[in-house]
Amino acid sequence: MFISSNSWKNLDVIKSNLRIDKNKKIILSISRLTEEKNIIFLAKEVAKVLKNNPEAVFILGGEGYLKDKLVKIVNEAKVSERVFFVGLIEKT
């Protein structure tokens, strides 16, 4: 799924595009999915937050070689239904 960077300015548009309930809280990260960005640590910590906060979702924008590992982490944590990998966010 691709979301224009213009959409990030309006939270309601983001939630609508991803079919997220408007009352959900969003945790957002836009980053390369690489070790240098410590994205594995972030995914593990966000999984803990999501388990304790059913009203929250995690949106991760970016591409990188760790995506498959991140998907595995959220699947194993059983929070994948509240994690959205939106891919590359291009500047417009």
N, C-alpha and C. Protein backbone atom coordinates (compact mmCIF):
# COMPACT_ATOMS: atom_id res chain seq x y z
N MET A 1 0.85 -1.17 0.00
CA MET A 1 0.00 0.00 0.00
C MET A 1 0.89 1.23 0.00
N PHE A 2 0.52 2.23 -0.75
CA PHE A 2 1.26 3.49 -0.77
C PHE A 2 0.35 4.61 -0.30
N ILE A 3 0.87 5.45 0.55
CA ILE A 3 0.14 6.62 1.02
C ILE A 3 0.99 7.84 0.70
N SER A 4 0.42 8.81 0.02
CA SER A 4 1.13 10.04 -0.32
C SER A 4 1.57 10.74 0.96
N SER A 5 2.73 11.37 0.91
CA SER A 5 3.20 12.09 2.09
C SER A 5 2.27 13.23 2.46
N ASN A 6 1.48 13.73 1.51
CA ASN A 6 0.49 14.76 1.84
C ASN A 6 -0.54 14.22 2.83
N SER A 7 -0.83 12.94 2.76
CA SER A 7 -1.82 12.33 3.65
C SER A 7 -1.37 12.33 5.10
N TRP A 8 -0.06 12.31 5.33
CA TRP A 8 0.44 12.25 6.70
C TRP A 8 0.08 13.51 7.48
N LYS A 9 -0.31 14.56 6.79
CA LYS A 9 -0.67 15.80 7.47
C LYS A 9 -2.04 15.72 8.11
N ASN A 10 -2.83 14.74 7.74
CA ASN A 10 -4.18 14.63 8.25
C ASN A 10 -4.40 13.23 8.80
N LEU A 11 -4.45 13.12 10.10
CA LEU A 11 -4.58 11.83 10.75
C LEU A 11 -5.83 11.08 10.34
N ASP A 12 -6.92 11.78 10.12
CA ASP A 12 -8.16 11.12 9.71
C ASP A 12 -8.00 10.45 8.35
N VAL A 13 -7.24 11.07 7.46
CA VAL A 13 -7.00 10.47 6.14
C VAL A 13 -6.18 9.19 6.28
N ILE A 14 -5.16 9.23 7.12
CA ILE A 14 -4.33 8.05 7.36
C ILE A 14 -5.20 6.92 7.88
N LYS A 15 -5.98 7.20 8.90
CA LYS A 15 -6.82 6.17 9.50
C LYS A 15 -7.81 5.62 8.49
N SER A 16 -8.38 6.47 7.69
CA SER A 16 -9.33 6.03 6.67
C SER A 16 -8.65 5.14 5.63
N ASN A 17 -7.49 5.56 5.14
CA ASN A 17 -6.77 4.79 4.13
C ASN A 17 -6.37 3.40 4.63
N LEU A 18 -6.05 3.30 5.89
CA LEU A 18 -5.62 2.02 6.47
C LEU A 18 -6.77 1.28 7.15
N ARG A 19 -7.95 1.85 7.11
CA ARG A 19 -9.14 1.26 7.75
C ARG A 19 -8.92 1.06 9.26
N ILE A 20 -8.39 2.10 9.87
CA ILE A 20 -8.16 2.11 11.31
C ILE A 20 -9.29 2.90 11.96
N ASP A 21 -9.85 2.36 13.02
CA ASP A 21 -10.90 3.05 13.75
C ASP A 21 -10.41 4.43 14.16
N LYS A 22 -11.27 5.43 14.00
CA LYS A 22 -10.85 6.82 14.26
C LYS A 22 -10.50 7.07 15.72
N ASN A 23 -10.91 6.18 16.64
CA ASN A 23 -10.61 6.35 18.06
C ASN A 23 -9.28 5.72 18.47
N LYS A 24 -8.63 5.01 17.56
CA LYS A 24 -7.35 4.36 17.88
C LYS A 24 -6.24 5.40 17.97
N LYS A 25 -5.30 5.14 18.84
CA LYS A 25 -4.09 5.97 18.98
C LYS A 25 -3.03 5.42 18.04
N ILE A 26 -2.26 6.31 17.43
CA ILE A 26 -1.25 5.89 16.45
C ILE A 26 0.16 6.10 16.99
N ILE A 27 0.96 5.04 16.86
CA ILE A 27 2.40 5.12 17.06
C ILE A 27 2.98 5.06 15.65
N LEU A 28 3.80 6.03 15.30
CA LEU A 28 4.28 6.14 13.92
C LEU A 28 5.80 6.21 13.88
N SER A 29 6.38 5.47 12.96
CA SER A 29 7.81 5.57 12.70
C SER A 29 8.02 5.55 11.19
N ILE A 30 8.82 6.48 10.72
CA ILE A 30 9.22 6.50 9.31
C ILE A 30 10.73 6.43 9.30
N SER A 31 11.25 5.33 8.76
CA SER A 31 12.68 5.07 8.88
C SER A 31 13.11 4.00 7.88
N ARG A 32 14.39 3.98 7.56
CA ARG A 32 14.93 2.82 6.84
C ARG A 32 14.86 1.63 7.78
N LEU A 33 14.52 0.49 7.26
CA LEU A 33 14.41 -0.71 8.08
C LEU A 33 15.75 -1.43 8.08
N THR A 34 16.70 -0.82 8.81
CA THR A 34 18.07 -1.32 8.86
C THR A 34 18.56 -1.32 10.30
N GLU A 35 19.65 -2.05 10.53
CA GLU A 35 20.22 -2.14 11.87
C GLU A 35 20.63 -0.78 12.42
N GLU A 36 21.15 0.08 11.56
CA GLU A 36 21.62 1.39 12.01
C GLU A 36 20.51 2.20 12.68
N LYS A 37 19.28 1.94 12.30
CA LYS A 37 18.13 2.68 12.85
C LYS A 37 17.55 2.00 14.09
N ASN A 38 18.15 0.87 14.49
CA ASN A 38 17.71 0.13 15.69
C ASN A 38 16.23 -0.23 15.62
N ILE A 39 15.77 -0.57 14.43
CA ILE A 39 14.36 -0.82 14.19
C ILE A 39 13.87 -2.12 14.83
N ILE A 40 14.74 -3.10 15.02
CA ILE A 40 14.35 -4.34 15.69
C ILE A 40 13.97 -4.04 17.14
N PHE A 41 14.80 -3.26 17.81
CA PHE A 41 14.49 -2.85 19.18
C PHE A 41 13.15 -2.13 19.23
N LEU A 42 12.93 -1.20 18.30
CA LEU A 42 11.68 -0.46 18.27
C LEU A 42 10.49 -1.40 18.10
N ALA A 43 10.58 -2.34 17.18
CA ALA A 43 9.47 -3.27 16.94
C ALA A 43 9.15 -4.09 18.18
N LYS A 44 10.17 -4.57 18.87
CA LYS A 44 9.94 -5.36 20.08
C LYS A 44 9.29 -4.52 21.18
N GLU A 45 9.74 -3.29 21.33
CA GLU A 45 9.16 -2.42 22.36
C GLU A 45 7.74 -1.99 22.00
N VAL A 46 7.50 -1.69 20.73
CA VAL A 46 6.15 -1.32 20.31
C VAL A 46 5.20 -2.50 20.50
N ALA A 47 5.67 -3.72 20.24
CA ALA A 47 4.83 -4.91 20.46
C ALA A 47 4.38 -4.98 21.91
N LYS A 48 5.28 -4.67 22.84
CA LYS A 48 4.92 -4.65 24.27
C LYS A 48 3.87 -3.58 24.54
N VAL A 49 4.06 -2.41 23.96
CA VAL A 49 3.09 -1.32 24.14
C VAL A 49 1.73 -1.72 23.60
N LEU A 50 1.71 -2.32 22.42
CA LEU A 50 0.44 -2.72 21.82
C LEU A 50 -0.28 -3.77 22.66
N LYS A 51 0.46 -4.69 23.24
CA LYS A 51 -0.16 -5.72 24.09
C LYS A 51 -0.85 -5.10 25.30
N ASN A 52 -0.30 -4.02 25.81
CA ASN A 52 -0.85 -3.37 27.00
C ASN A 52 -1.80 -2.23 26.69
N ASN A 53 -1.93 -1.87 25.42
CA ASN A 53 -2.77 -0.75 25.02
C ASN A 53 -3.59 -1.13 23.79
N PRO A 54 -4.73 -1.76 24.00
CA PRO A 54 -5.54 -2.22 22.87
C PRO A 54 -6.06 -1.10 21.98
N GLU A 55 -6.00 0.13 22.45
CA GLU A 55 -6.49 1.26 21.65
C GLU A 55 -5.41 1.82 20.72
N ALA A 56 -4.22 1.21 20.71
CA ALA A 56 -3.10 1.71 19.91
C ALA A 56 -2.82 0.84 18.70
N VAL A 57 -2.31 1.49 17.65
CA VAL A 57 -1.81 0.80 16.46
C VAL A 57 -0.44 1.37 16.12
N PHE A 58 0.33 0.62 15.36
CA PHE A 58 1.67 1.03 14.96
C PHE A 58 1.73 1.09 13.44
N ILE A 59 2.12 2.24 12.92
CA ILE A 59 2.32 2.41 11.49
C ILE A 59 3.81 2.59 11.25
N LEU A 60 4.35 1.75 10.39
CA LEU A 60 5.78 1.79 10.09
C LEU A 60 5.97 2.09 8.61
N GLY A 61 6.51 3.27 8.33
CA GLY A 61 6.81 3.66 6.96
C GLY A 61 8.28 3.50 6.69
N GLY A 62 8.61 2.89 5.59
CA GLY A 62 10.00 2.71 5.22
C GLY A 62 10.24 1.36 4.59
N GLU A 63 11.41 1.22 3.99
CA GLU A 63 11.82 -0.03 3.35
C GLU A 63 13.21 -0.39 3.84
N GLY A 64 13.54 -1.66 3.76
CA GLY A 64 14.87 -2.11 4.13
C GLY A 64 14.93 -3.61 4.28
N TYR A 65 16.14 -4.11 4.43
CA TYR A 65 16.36 -5.55 4.45
C TYR A 65 15.83 -6.24 5.70
N LEU A 66 15.44 -5.50 6.72
CA LEU A 66 14.93 -6.11 7.95
C LEU A 66 13.40 -6.26 7.98
N LYS A 67 12.74 -5.92 6.90
CA LYS A 67 11.27 -5.98 6.92
C LYS A 67 10.75 -7.37 7.28
N ASP A 68 11.28 -8.41 6.67
CA ASP A 68 10.80 -9.77 6.96
C ASP A 68 10.98 -10.12 8.43
N LYS A 69 12.09 -9.70 9.01
CA LYS A 69 12.34 -9.97 10.43
C LYS A 69 11.34 -9.19 11.30
N LEU A 70 11.01 -7.98 10.90
CA LEU A 70 10.03 -7.18 11.64
C LEU A 70 8.65 -7.81 11.58
N VAL A 71 8.28 -8.31 10.41
CA VAL A 71 6.99 -8.99 10.26
C VAL A 71 6.94 -10.20 11.18
N LYS A 72 8.03 -10.94 11.25
CA LYS A 72 8.10 -12.12 12.12
C LYS A 72 7.94 -11.72 13.59
N ILE A 73 8.58 -10.64 13.99
CA ILE A 73 8.49 -10.17 15.38
C ILE A 73 7.05 -9.83 15.75
N VAL A 74 6.36 -9.08 14.90
CA VAL A 74 4.99 -8.69 15.24
C VAL A 74 4.04 -9.88 15.16
N ASN A 75 4.31 -10.82 14.26
CA ASN A 75 3.49 -12.03 14.20
C ASN A 75 3.65 -12.87 15.46
N GLU A 76 4.90 -13.06 15.89
CA GLU A 76 5.17 -13.85 17.10
C GLU A 76 4.59 -13.18 18.35
N ALA A 77 4.55 -11.86 18.35
CA ALA A 77 3.99 -11.12 19.49
C ALA A 77 2.46 -11.08 19.44
N LYS A 78 1.89 -11.58 18.34
CA LYS A 78 0.44 -11.63 18.16
C LYS A 78 -0.20 -10.23 18.16
N VAL A 79 0.50 -9.29 17.52
CA VAL A 79 -0.04 -7.93 17.38
C VAL A 79 -0.10 -7.49 15.91
N SER A 80 0.06 -8.44 15.01
CA SER A 80 0.15 -8.09 13.59
C SER A 80 -1.09 -7.39 13.04
N GLU A 81 -2.26 -7.65 13.65
CA GLU A 81 -3.48 -7.00 13.17
C GLU A 81 -3.50 -5.50 13.49
N ARG A 82 -2.56 -5.05 14.31
CA ARG A 82 -2.48 -3.63 14.66
C ARG A 82 -1.16 -2.99 14.25
N VAL A 83 -0.45 -3.65 13.35
CA VAL A 83 0.79 -3.12 12.81
C VAL A 83 0.64 -2.99 11.30
N PHE A 84 0.94 -1.81 10.78
CA PHE A 84 0.77 -1.52 9.36
C PHE A 84 2.12 -1.14 8.76
N PHE A 85 2.61 -1.97 7.85
CA PHE A 85 3.83 -1.68 7.11
C PHE A 85 3.39 -0.97 5.83
N VAL A 86 3.67 0.32 5.72
CA VAL A 86 3.17 1.08 4.58
C VAL A 86 4.22 1.33 3.51
N GLY A 87 5.43 0.85 3.72
CA GLY A 87 6.45 0.97 2.68
C GLY A 87 7.06 2.35 2.59
N LEU A 88 7.63 2.61 1.43
CA LEU A 88 8.33 3.86 1.18
C LEU A 88 7.36 5.04 1.17
N ILE A 89 7.73 6.09 1.87
CA ILE A 89 6.94 7.32 1.89
C ILE A 89 7.73 8.34 1.06
N GLU A 90 7.24 8.63 -0.12
CA GLU A 90 7.93 9.56 -1.00
C GLU A 90 7.55 11.00 -0.71
N LYS A 91 8.50 11.89 -0.88
CA LYS A 91 8.23 13.33 -0.74
C LYS A 91 7.45 13.79 -1.96
N THR A 92 6.49 14.67 -1.73
CA THR A 92 5.74 15.23 -2.86
C THR A 92 5.84 16.74 -2.86
